[in-house]
Amino acid sequence: YLVVIFQENVSFDHYFGTYPGATN
C-alpha cells in the first residue's frame, strides 16, 4: 500500500534549512 501525500509550494531550505538545529 503506497500513500502519496502531495503538498504545495515549499522549498527544502524553507522547511529544513537549519535541520536538525532548532532555536527553541
mmCIF file of all heavy atoms, coordinates in Angstrom:
data_MODEL
# 
_entry.id   MODEL 
# 
loop_
_atom_site.group_PDB 
_atom_site.id 
_atom_site.type_symbol 
_atom_site.label_atom_id 
_atom_site.label_alt_id 
_atom_site.label_comp_id 
_atom_site.label_asym_id 
_atom_site.label_entity_id 
_atom_site.label_seq_id 
_atom_site.pdbx_PDB_ins_code 
_atom_site.Cartn_x 
_atom_site.Cartn_y 
_atom_site.Cartn_z 
_atom_site.occupancy 
_atom_site.B_iso_or_equiv 
_atom_site.pdbx_formal_charge 
_atom_site.auth_seq_id 
_atom_site.auth_comp_id 
_atom_site.auth_asym_id 
_atom_site.auth_atom_id 
_atom_site.pdbx_PDB_model_num 
ATOM 1   N N   . TYR A 1 1  ? 0.853  -1.192 0.000  1.00 0.00 ? 1  TYR A N   1 
ATOM 2   C CA  . TYR A 1 1  ? 0.000  0.000  0.000  1.00 0.00 ? 1  TYR A CA  1 
ATOM 3   C C   . TYR A 1 1  ? 0.887  1.240  0.000  1.00 0.00 ? 1  TYR A C   1 
ATOM 4   O O   . TYR A 1 1  ? 1.674  1.444  0.933  1.00 0.00 ? 1  TYR A O   1 
ATOM 5   C CB  . TYR A 1 1  ? -0.929 0.013  1.212  1.00 0.00 ? 1  TYR A CB  1 
ATOM 6   C CG  . TYR A 1 1  ? -1.819 -1.201 1.293  1.00 0.00 ? 1  TYR A CG  1 
ATOM 7   C CD1 . TYR A 1 1  ? -1.467 -2.278 2.102  1.00 0.00 ? 1  TYR A CD1 1 
ATOM 8   C CD2 . TYR A 1 1  ? -2.994 -1.286 0.554  1.00 0.00 ? 1  TYR A CD2 1 
ATOM 9   C CE1 . TYR A 1 1  ? -2.261 -3.409 2.177  1.00 0.00 ? 1  TYR A CE1 1 
ATOM 10  C CE2 . TYR A 1 1  ? -3.796 -2.414 0.620  1.00 0.00 ? 1  TYR A CE2 1 
ATOM 11  C CZ  . TYR A 1 1  ? -3.426 -3.467 1.432  1.00 0.00 ? 1  TYR A CZ  1 
ATOM 12  O OH  . TYR A 1 1  ? -4.217 -4.584 1.497  1.00 0.00 ? 1  TYR A OH  1 
ATOM 13  N N   . LEU A 1 2  ? 0.761  2.034  -1.026 1.00 0.00 ? 2  LEU A N   1 
ATOM 14  C CA  . LEU A 1 2  ? 1.511  3.283  -1.121 1.00 0.00 ? 2  LEU A CA  1 
ATOM 15  C C   . LEU A 1 2  ? 0.543  4.443  -1.020 1.00 0.00 ? 2  LEU A C   1 
ATOM 16  O O   . LEU A 1 2  ? -0.466 4.486  -1.728 1.00 0.00 ? 2  LEU A O   1 
ATOM 17  C CB  . LEU A 1 2  ? 2.262  3.362  -2.449 1.00 0.00 ? 2  LEU A CB  1 
ATOM 18  C CG  . LEU A 1 2  ? 3.121  4.622  -2.623 1.00 0.00 ? 2  LEU A CG  1 
ATOM 19  C CD1 . LEU A 1 2  ? 4.314  4.594  -1.671 1.00 0.00 ? 2  LEU A CD1 1 
ATOM 20  C CD2 . LEU A 1 2  ? 3.596  4.765  -4.071 1.00 0.00 ? 2  LEU A CD2 1 
ATOM 21  N N   . VAL A 1 3  ? 0.854  5.380  -0.119 1.00 0.00 ? 3  VAL A N   1 
ATOM 22  C CA  . VAL A 1 3  ? 0.063  6.603  0.040  1.00 0.00 ? 3  VAL A CA  1 
ATOM 23  C C   . VAL A 1 3  ? 0.979  7.776  -0.253 1.00 0.00 ? 3  VAL A C   1 
ATOM 24  O O   . VAL A 1 3  ? 1.970  7.996  0.460  1.00 0.00 ? 3  VAL A O   1 
ATOM 25  C CB  . VAL A 1 3  ? -0.532 6.719  1.453  1.00 0.00 ? 3  VAL A CB  1 
ATOM 26  C CG1 . VAL A 1 3  ? -1.316 8.016  1.592  1.00 0.00 ? 3  VAL A CG1 1 
ATOM 27  C CG2 . VAL A 1 3  ? -1.423 5.514  1.762  1.00 0.00 ? 3  VAL A CG2 1 
ATOM 28  N N   . VAL A 1 4  ? 0.678  8.520  -1.299 1.00 0.00 ? 4  VAL A N   1 
ATOM 29  C CA  . VAL A 1 4  ? 1.465  9.697  -1.682 1.00 0.00 ? 4  VAL A CA  1 
ATOM 30  C C   . VAL A 1 4  ? 0.698  10.935 -1.245 1.00 0.00 ? 4  VAL A C   1 
ATOM 31  O O   . VAL A 1 4  ? -0.409 11.194 -1.738 1.00 0.00 ? 4  VAL A O   1 
ATOM 32  C CB  . VAL A 1 4  ? 1.717  9.739  -3.201 1.00 0.00 ? 4  VAL A CB  1 
ATOM 33  C CG1 . VAL A 1 4  ? 2.530  10.984 -3.564 1.00 0.00 ? 4  VAL A CG1 1 
ATOM 34  C CG2 . VAL A 1 4  ? 2.430  8.468  -3.661 1.00 0.00 ? 4  VAL A CG2 1 
ATOM 35  N N   . ILE A 1 5  ? 1.254  11.673 -0.296 1.00 0.00 ? 5  ILE A N   1 
ATOM 36  C CA  . ILE A 1 5  ? 0.661  12.940 0.150  1.00 0.00 ? 5  ILE A CA  1 
ATOM 37  C C   . ILE A 1 5  ? 1.384  14.050 -0.599 1.00 0.00 ? 5  ILE A C   1 
ATOM 38  O O   . ILE A 1 5  ? 2.574  14.303 -0.377 1.00 0.00 ? 5  ILE A O   1 
ATOM 39  C CB  . ILE A 1 5  ? 0.786  13.122 1.668  1.00 0.00 ? 5  ILE A CB  1 
ATOM 40  C CG1 . ILE A 1 5  ? 0.129  11.946 2.413  1.00 0.00 ? 5  ILE A CG1 1 
ATOM 41  C CG2 . ILE A 1 5  ? 0.153  14.438 2.096  1.00 0.00 ? 5  ILE A CG2 1 
ATOM 42  C CD1 . ILE A 1 5  ? 0.262  12.011 3.926  1.00 0.00 ? 5  ILE A CD1 1 
ATOM 43  N N   . PHE A 1 6  ? 0.674  14.688 -1.516 1.00 0.00 ? 6  PHE A N   1 
ATOM 44  C CA  . PHE A 1 6  ? 1.299  15.654 -2.416 1.00 0.00 ? 6  PHE A CA  1 
ATOM 45  C C   . PHE A 1 6  ? 0.869  17.054 -2.007 1.00 0.00 ? 6  PHE A C   1 
ATOM 46  O O   . PHE A 1 6  ? -0.263 17.474 -2.236 1.00 0.00 ? 6  PHE A O   1 
ATOM 47  C CB  . PHE A 1 6  ? 0.887  15.351 -3.855 1.00 0.00 ? 6  PHE A CB  1 
ATOM 48  C CG  . PHE A 1 6  ? 1.819  15.902 -4.896 1.00 0.00 ? 6  PHE A CG  1 
ATOM 49  C CD1 . PHE A 1 6  ? 3.166  15.582 -4.878 1.00 0.00 ? 6  PHE A CD1 1 
ATOM 50  C CD2 . PHE A 1 6  ? 1.343  16.716 -5.909 1.00 0.00 ? 6  PHE A CD2 1 
ATOM 51  C CE1 . PHE A 1 6  ? 4.037  16.071 -5.846 1.00 0.00 ? 6  PHE A CE1 1 
ATOM 52  C CE2 . PHE A 1 6  ? 2.201  17.207 -6.885 1.00 0.00 ? 6  PHE A CE2 1 
ATOM 53  C CZ  . PHE A 1 6  ? 3.550  16.885 -6.856 1.00 0.00 ? 6  PHE A CZ  1 
ATOM 54  N N   . GLN A 1 7  ? 1.803  17.785 -1.401 1.00 0.00 ? 7  GLN A N   1 
ATOM 55  C CA  . GLN A 1 7  ? 1.514  19.093 -0.833 1.00 0.00 ? 7  GLN A CA  1 
ATOM 56  C C   . GLN A 1 7  ? 1.963  20.219 -1.750 1.00 0.00 ? 7  GLN A C   1 
ATOM 57  O O   . GLN A 1 7  ? 2.390  19.983 -2.877 1.00 0.00 ? 7  GLN A O   1 
ATOM 58  C CB  . GLN A 1 7  ? 2.155  19.195 0.556  1.00 0.00 ? 7  GLN A CB  1 
ATOM 59  C CG  . GLN A 1 7  ? 1.564  18.221 1.589  1.00 0.00 ? 7  GLN A CG  1 
ATOM 60  C CD  . GLN A 1 7  ? 0.136  18.570 1.952  1.00 0.00 ? 7  GLN A CD  1 
ATOM 61  O OE1 . GLN A 1 7  ? -0.810 18.071 1.356  1.00 0.00 ? 7  GLN A OE1 1 
ATOM 62  N NE2 . GLN A 1 7  ? -0.020 19.439 2.939  1.00 0.00 ? 7  GLN A NE2 1 
ATOM 63  N N   . GLU A 1 8  ? 1.915  21.446 -1.255 1.00 0.00 ? 8  GLU A N   1 
ATOM 64  C CA  . GLU A 1 8  ? 2.070  22.614 -2.106 1.00 0.00 ? 8  GLU A CA  1 
ATOM 65  C C   . GLU A 1 8  ? 3.194  23.549 -1.667 1.00 0.00 ? 8  GLU A C   1 
ATOM 66  O O   . GLU A 1 8  ? 3.290  23.926 -0.499 1.00 0.00 ? 8  GLU A O   1 
ATOM 67  C CB  . GLU A 1 8  ? 0.758  23.421 -2.115 1.00 0.00 ? 8  GLU A CB  1 
ATOM 68  C CG  . GLU A 1 8  ? -0.413 22.746 -2.799 1.00 0.00 ? 8  GLU A CG  1 
ATOM 69  C CD  . GLU A 1 8  ? -0.321 22.799 -4.298 1.00 0.00 ? 8  GLU A CD  1 
ATOM 70  O OE1 . GLU A 1 8  ? -0.008 23.880 -4.848 1.00 0.00 ? 8  GLU A OE1 1 
ATOM 71  O OE2 . GLU A 1 8  ? -0.532 21.752 -4.934 1.00 0.00 ? 8  GLU A OE2 1 
ATOM 72  N N   . ASN A 1 9  ? 4.062  23.889 -2.611 1.00 0.00 ? 9  ASN A N   1 
ATOM 73  C CA  . ASN A 1 9  ? 4.830  25.135 -2.592 1.00 0.00 ? 9  ASN A CA  1 
ATOM 74  C C   . ASN A 1 9  ? 5.785  25.301 -1.415 1.00 0.00 ? 9  ASN A C   1 
ATOM 75  O O   . ASN A 1 9  ? 5.684  26.263 -0.650 1.00 0.00 ? 9  ASN A O   1 
ATOM 76  C CB  . ASN A 1 9  ? 3.848  26.317 -2.632 1.00 0.00 ? 9  ASN A CB  1 
ATOM 77  C CG  . ASN A 1 9  ? 3.075  26.367 -3.935 1.00 0.00 ? 9  ASN A CG  1 
ATOM 78  O OD1 . ASN A 1 9  ? 2.464  25.378 -4.336 1.00 0.00 ? 9  ASN A OD1 1 
ATOM 79  N ND2 . ASN A 1 9  ? 3.103  27.504 -4.590 1.00 0.00 ? 9  ASN A ND2 1 
ATOM 80  N N   . VAL A 1 10 ? 6.755  24.417 -1.310 1.00 0.00 ? 10 VAL A N   1 
ATOM 81  C CA  . VAL A 1 10 ? 7.765  24.510 -0.260 1.00 0.00 ? 10 VAL A CA  1 
ATOM 82  C C   . VAL A 1 10 ? 9.122  24.106 -0.825 1.00 0.00 ? 10 VAL A C   1 
ATOM 83  O O   . VAL A 1 10 ? 9.246  23.040 -1.426 1.00 0.00 ? 10 VAL A O   1 
ATOM 84  C CB  . VAL A 1 10 ? 7.414  23.584 0.935  1.00 0.00 ? 10 VAL A CB  1 
ATOM 85  C CG1 . VAL A 1 10 ? 8.565  23.523 1.927  1.00 0.00 ? 10 VAL A CG1 1 
ATOM 86  C CG2 . VAL A 1 10 ? 6.151  24.066 1.630  1.00 0.00 ? 10 VAL A CG2 1 
ATOM 87  N N   . SER A 1 11 ? 10.134 24.941 -0.634 1.00 0.00 ? 11 SER A N   1 
ATOM 88  C CA  . SER A 1 11 ? 11.499 24.533 -0.975 1.00 0.00 ? 11 SER A CA  1 
ATOM 89  C C   . SER A 1 11 ? 12.111 23.789 0.215  1.00 0.00 ? 11 SER A C   1 
ATOM 90  O O   . SER A 1 11 ? 11.640 23.905 1.348  1.00 0.00 ? 11 SER A O   1 
ATOM 91  C CB  . SER A 1 11 ? 12.353 25.751 -1.320 1.00 0.00 ? 11 SER A CB  1 
ATOM 92  O OG  . SER A 1 11 ? 12.696 26.484 -0.143 1.00 0.00 ? 11 SER A OG  1 
ATOM 93  N N   . PHE A 1 12 ? 13.178 23.054 -0.054 1.00 0.00 ? 12 PHE A N   1 
ATOM 94  C CA  . PHE A 1 12 ? 13.818 22.298 1.027  1.00 0.00 ? 12 PHE A CA  1 
ATOM 95  C C   . PHE A 1 12 ? 14.342 23.238 2.106  1.00 0.00 ? 12 PHE A C   1 
ATOM 96  O O   . PHE A 1 12 ? 14.081 23.030 3.302  1.00 0.00 ? 12 PHE A O   1 
ATOM 97  C CB  . PHE A 1 12 ? 14.957 21.437 0.478  1.00 0.00 ? 12 PHE A CB  1 
ATOM 98  C CG  . PHE A 1 12 ? 15.627 20.606 1.543  1.00 0.00 ? 12 PHE A CG  1 
ATOM 99  C CD1 . PHE A 1 12 ? 15.110 19.374 1.900  1.00 0.00 ? 12 PHE A CD1 1 
ATOM 100 C CD2 . PHE A 1 12 ? 16.758 21.072 2.204  1.00 0.00 ? 12 PHE A CD2 1 
ATOM 101 C CE1 . PHE A 1 12 ? 15.704 18.613 2.907  1.00 0.00 ? 12 PHE A CE1 1 
ATOM 102 C CE2 . PHE A 1 12 ? 17.367 20.321 3.200  1.00 0.00 ? 12 PHE A CE2 1 
ATOM 103 C CZ  . PHE A 1 12 ? 16.830 19.085 3.558  1.00 0.00 ? 12 PHE A CZ  1 
ATOM 104 N N   . ASP A 1 13 ? 15.072 24.276 1.731  1.00 0.00 ? 13 ASP A N   1 
ATOM 105 C CA  . ASP A 1 13 ? 15.621 25.192 2.740  1.00 0.00 ? 13 ASP A CA  1 
ATOM 106 C C   . ASP A 1 13 ? 14.530 25.899 3.529  1.00 0.00 ? 13 ASP A C   1 
ATOM 107 O O   . ASP A 1 13 ? 14.738 26.260 4.694  1.00 0.00 ? 13 ASP A O   1 
ATOM 108 C CB  . ASP A 1 13 ? 16.525 26.235 2.076  1.00 0.00 ? 13 ASP A CB  1 
ATOM 109 C CG  . ASP A 1 13 ? 17.936 25.733 1.824  1.00 0.00 ? 13 ASP A CG  1 
ATOM 110 O OD1 . ASP A 1 13 ? 18.316 24.692 2.407  1.00 0.00 ? 13 ASP A OD1 1 
ATOM 111 O OD2 . ASP A 1 13 ? 18.662 26.377 1.035  1.00 0.00 ? 13 ASP A OD2 1 
ATOM 112 N N   . HIS A 1 14 ? 13.364 26.098 2.932  1.00 0.00 ? 14 HIS A N   1 
ATOM 113 C CA  . HIS A 1 14 ? 12.273 26.796 3.617  1.00 0.00 ? 14 HIS A CA  1 
ATOM 114 C C   . HIS A 1 14 ? 11.791 26.003 4.834  1.00 0.00 ? 14 HIS A C   1 
ATOM 115 O O   . HIS A 1 14 ? 11.360 26.599 5.825  1.00 0.00 ? 14 HIS A O   1 
ATOM 116 C CB  . HIS A 1 14 ? 11.129 27.021 2.629  1.00 0.00 ? 14 HIS A CB  1 
ATOM 117 C CG  . HIS A 1 14 ? 10.023 27.899 3.142  1.00 0.00 ? 14 HIS A CG  1 
ATOM 118 N ND1 . HIS A 1 14 ? 10.234 29.172 3.620  1.00 0.00 ? 14 HIS A ND1 1 
ATOM 119 C CD2 . HIS A 1 14 ? 8.680  27.682 3.244  1.00 0.00 ? 14 HIS A CD2 1 
ATOM 120 C CE1 . HIS A 1 14 ? 9.086  29.704 3.989  1.00 0.00 ? 14 HIS A CE1 1 
ATOM 121 N NE2 . HIS A 1 14 ? 8.125  28.822 3.787  1.00 0.00 ? 14 HIS A NE2 1 
ATOM 122 N N   . TYR A 1 15 ? 11.859 24.678 4.771  1.00 0.00 ? 15 TYR A N   1 
ATOM 123 C CA  . TYR A 1 15 ? 11.425 23.836 5.882  1.00 0.00 ? 15 TYR A CA  1 
ATOM 124 C C   . TYR A 1 15 ? 12.576 23.162 6.634  1.00 0.00 ? 15 TYR A C   1 
ATOM 125 O O   . TYR A 1 15 ? 12.442 22.876 7.821  1.00 0.00 ? 15 TYR A O   1 
ATOM 126 C CB  . TYR A 1 15 ? 10.480 22.736 5.375  1.00 0.00 ? 15 TYR A CB  1 
ATOM 127 C CG  . TYR A 1 15 ? 9.007  23.097 5.381  1.00 0.00 ? 15 TYR A CG  1 
ATOM 128 C CD1 . TYR A 1 15 ? 8.566  24.414 5.542  1.00 0.00 ? 15 TYR A CD1 1 
ATOM 129 C CD2 . TYR A 1 15 ? 8.037  22.116 5.199  1.00 0.00 ? 15 TYR A CD2 1 
ATOM 130 C CE1 . TYR A 1 15 ? 7.221  24.735 5.540  1.00 0.00 ? 15 TYR A CE1 1 
ATOM 131 C CE2 . TYR A 1 15 ? 6.681  22.419 5.194  1.00 0.00 ? 15 TYR A CE2 1 
ATOM 132 C CZ  . TYR A 1 15 ? 6.274  23.723 5.362  1.00 0.00 ? 15 TYR A CZ  1 
ATOM 133 O OH  . TYR A 1 15 ? 4.933  24.024 5.362  1.00 0.00 ? 15 TYR A OH  1 
ATOM 134 N N   . PHE A 1 16 ? 13.678 22.893 5.960  1.00 0.00 ? 16 PHE A N   1 
ATOM 135 C CA  . PHE A 1 16 ? 14.726 22.080 6.576  1.00 0.00 ? 16 PHE A CA  1 
ATOM 136 C C   . PHE A 1 16 ? 16.111 22.735 6.524  1.00 0.00 ? 16 PHE A C   1 
ATOM 137 O O   . PHE A 1 16 ? 17.110 22.077 6.786  1.00 0.00 ? 16 PHE A O   1 
ATOM 138 C CB  . PHE A 1 16 ? 14.805 20.712 5.884  1.00 0.00 ? 16 PHE A CB  1 
ATOM 139 C CG  . PHE A 1 16 ? 13.645 19.808 6.200  1.00 0.00 ? 16 PHE A CG  1 
ATOM 140 C CD1 . PHE A 1 16 ? 12.613 19.644 5.294  1.00 0.00 ? 16 PHE A CD1 1 
ATOM 141 C CD2 . PHE A 1 16 ? 13.592 19.109 7.399  1.00 0.00 ? 16 PHE A CD2 1 
ATOM 142 C CE1 . PHE A 1 16 ? 11.540 18.813 5.576  1.00 0.00 ? 16 PHE A CE1 1 
ATOM 143 C CE2 . PHE A 1 16 ? 12.538 18.272 7.692  1.00 0.00 ? 16 PHE A CE2 1 
ATOM 144 C CZ  . PHE A 1 16 ? 11.505 18.118 6.778  1.00 0.00 ? 16 PHE A CZ  1 
ATOM 145 N N   . GLY A 1 17 ? 16.175 24.041 6.218  1.00 0.00 ? 17 GLY A N   1 
ATOM 146 C CA  . GLY A 1 17 ? 17.468 24.683 6.020  1.00 0.00 ? 17 GLY A CA  1 
ATOM 147 C C   . GLY A 1 17 ? 18.398 24.607 7.213  1.00 0.00 ? 17 GLY A C   1 
ATOM 148 O O   . GLY A 1 17 ? 19.617 24.531 7.051  1.00 0.00 ? 17 GLY A O   1 
ATOM 149 N N   . THR A 1 18 ? 17.857 24.625 8.446  1.00 0.00 ? 18 THR A N   1 
ATOM 150 C CA  . THR A 1 18 ? 18.719 24.566 9.629  1.00 0.00 ? 18 THR A CA  1 
ATOM 151 C C   . THR A 1 18 ? 18.589 23.239 10.375 1.00 0.00 ? 18 THR A C   1 
ATOM 152 O O   . THR A 1 18 ? 19.067 23.115 11.507 1.00 0.00 ? 18 THR A O   1 
ATOM 153 C CB  . THR A 1 18 ? 18.409 25.724 10.604 1.00 0.00 ? 18 THR A CB  1 
ATOM 154 O OG1 . THR A 1 18 ? 17.055 25.607 11.064 1.00 0.00 ? 18 THR A OG1 1 
ATOM 155 C CG2 . THR A 1 18 ? 18.623 27.067 9.928  1.00 0.00 ? 18 THR A CG2 1 
ATOM 156 N N   . TYR A 1 19 ? 17.944 22.259 9.765  1.00 0.00 ? 19 TYR A N   1 
ATOM 157 C CA  . TYR A 1 19 ? 17.812 20.936 10.398 1.00 0.00 ? 19 TYR A CA  1 
ATOM 158 C C   . TYR A 1 19 ? 19.204 20.347 10.658 1.00 0.00 ? 19 TYR A C   1 
ATOM 159 O O   . TYR A 1 19 ? 20.088 20.439 9.811  1.00 0.00 ? 19 TYR A O   1 
ATOM 160 C CB  . TYR A 1 19 ? 17.032 19.999 9.476  1.00 0.00 ? 19 TYR A CB  1 
ATOM 161 C CG  . TYR A 1 19 ? 16.827 18.602 10.019 1.00 0.00 ? 19 TYR A CG  1 
ATOM 162 C CD1 . TYR A 1 19 ? 15.757 18.320 10.855 1.00 0.00 ? 19 TYR A CD1 1 
ATOM 163 C CD2 . TYR A 1 19 ? 17.703 17.570 9.691  1.00 0.00 ? 19 TYR A CD2 1 
ATOM 164 C CE1 . TYR A 1 19 ? 15.558 17.036 11.346 1.00 0.00 ? 19 TYR A CE1 1 
ATOM 165 C CE2 . TYR A 1 19 ? 17.507 16.298 10.189 1.00 0.00 ? 19 TYR A CE2 1 
ATOM 166 C CZ  . TYR A 1 19 ? 16.444 16.026 11.010 1.00 0.00 ? 19 TYR A CZ  1 
ATOM 167 O OH  . TYR A 1 19 ? 16.251 14.759 11.507 1.00 0.00 ? 19 TYR A OH  1 
ATOM 168 N N   . PRO A 1 20 ? 19.439 19.733 11.838 1.00 0.00 ? 20 PRO A N   1 
ATOM 169 C CA  . PRO A 1 20 ? 18.495 19.466 12.919 1.00 0.00 ? 20 PRO A CA  1 
ATOM 170 C C   . PRO A 1 20 ? 18.594 20.442 14.091 1.00 0.00 ? 20 PRO A C   1 
ATOM 171 O O   . PRO A 1 20 ? 18.251 20.092 15.215 1.00 0.00 ? 20 PRO A O   1 
ATOM 172 C CB  . PRO A 1 20 ? 18.912 18.066 13.354 1.00 0.00 ? 20 PRO A CB  1 
ATOM 173 C CG  . PRO A 1 20 ? 20.405 18.079 13.208 1.00 0.00 ? 20 PRO A CG  1 
ATOM 174 C CD  . PRO A 1 20 ? 20.687 18.949 12.009 1.00 0.00 ? 20 PRO A CD  1 
ATOM 175 N N   . GLY A 1 21 ? 19.044 21.672 13.827 1.00 0.00 ? 21 GLY A N   1 
ATOM 176 C CA  . GLY A 1 21 ? 19.202 22.639 14.904 1.00 0.00 ? 21 GLY A CA  1 
ATOM 177 C C   . GLY A 1 21 ? 18.055 23.630 14.955 1.00 0.00 ? 21 GLY A C   1 
ATOM 178 O O   . GLY A 1 21 ? 17.895 24.458 14.056 1.00 0.00 ? 21 GLY A O   1 
ATOM 179 N N   . ALA A 1 22 ? 17.240 23.554 16.007 1.00 0.00 ? 22 ALA A N   1 
ATOM 180 C CA  . ALA A 1 22 ? 16.124 24.473 16.197 1.00 0.00 ? 22 ALA A CA  1 
ATOM 181 C C   . ALA A 1 22 ? 16.477 25.531 17.232 1.00 0.00 ? 22 ALA A C   1 
ATOM 182 O O   . ALA A 1 22 ? 17.294 25.300 18.131 1.00 0.00 ? 22 ALA A O   1 
ATOM 183 C CB  . ALA A 1 22 ? 14.872 23.709 16.632 1.00 0.00 ? 22 ALA A CB  1 
ATOM 184 N N   . THR A 1 23 ? 15.854 26.694 17.130 1.00 0.00 ? 23 THR A N   1 
ATOM 185 C CA  . THR A 1 23 ? 16.143 27.802 18.042 1.00 0.00 ? 23 THR A CA  1 
ATOM 186 C C   . THR A 1 23 ? 15.582 27.563 19.443 1.00 0.00 ? 23 THR A C   1 
ATOM 187 O O   . THR A 1 23 ? 16.175 27.984 20.445 1.00 0.00 ? 23 THR A O   1 
ATOM 188 C CB  . THR A 1 23 ? 15.560 29.100 17.460 1.00 0.00 ? 23 THR A CB  1 
ATOM 189 O OG1 . THR A 1 23 ? 16.052 29.272 16.122 1.00 0.00 ? 23 THR A OG1 1 
ATOM 190 C CG2 . THR A 1 23 ? 15.953 30.302 18.296 1.00 0.00 ? 23 THR A CG2 1 
ATOM 191 N N   . ASN A 1 24 ? 14.426 26.920 19.537 1.00 0.00 ? 24 ASN A N   1 
ATOM 192 C CA  . ASN A 1 24 ? 13.769 26.563 20.806 1.00 0.00 ? 24 ASN A CA  1 
ATOM 193 C C   . ASN A 1 24 ? 13.508 27.755 21.726 1.00 0.00 ? 24 ASN A C   1 
ATOM 194 O O   . ASN A 1 24 ? 13.862 27.741 22.914 1.00 0.00 ? 24 ASN A O   1 
ATOM 195 C CB  . ASN A 1 24 ? 14.593 25.502 21.552 1.00 0.00 ? 24 ASN A CB  1 
ATOM 196 C CG  . ASN A 1 24 ? 14.555 24.149 20.859 1.00 0.00 ? 24 ASN A CG  1 
ATOM 197 O OD1 . ASN A 1 24 ? 13.554 23.788 20.244 1.00 0.00 ? 24 ASN A OD1 1 
ATOM 198 N ND2 . ASN A 1 24 ? 15.643 23.405 20.956 1.00 0.00 ? 24 ASN A ND2 1 
# 
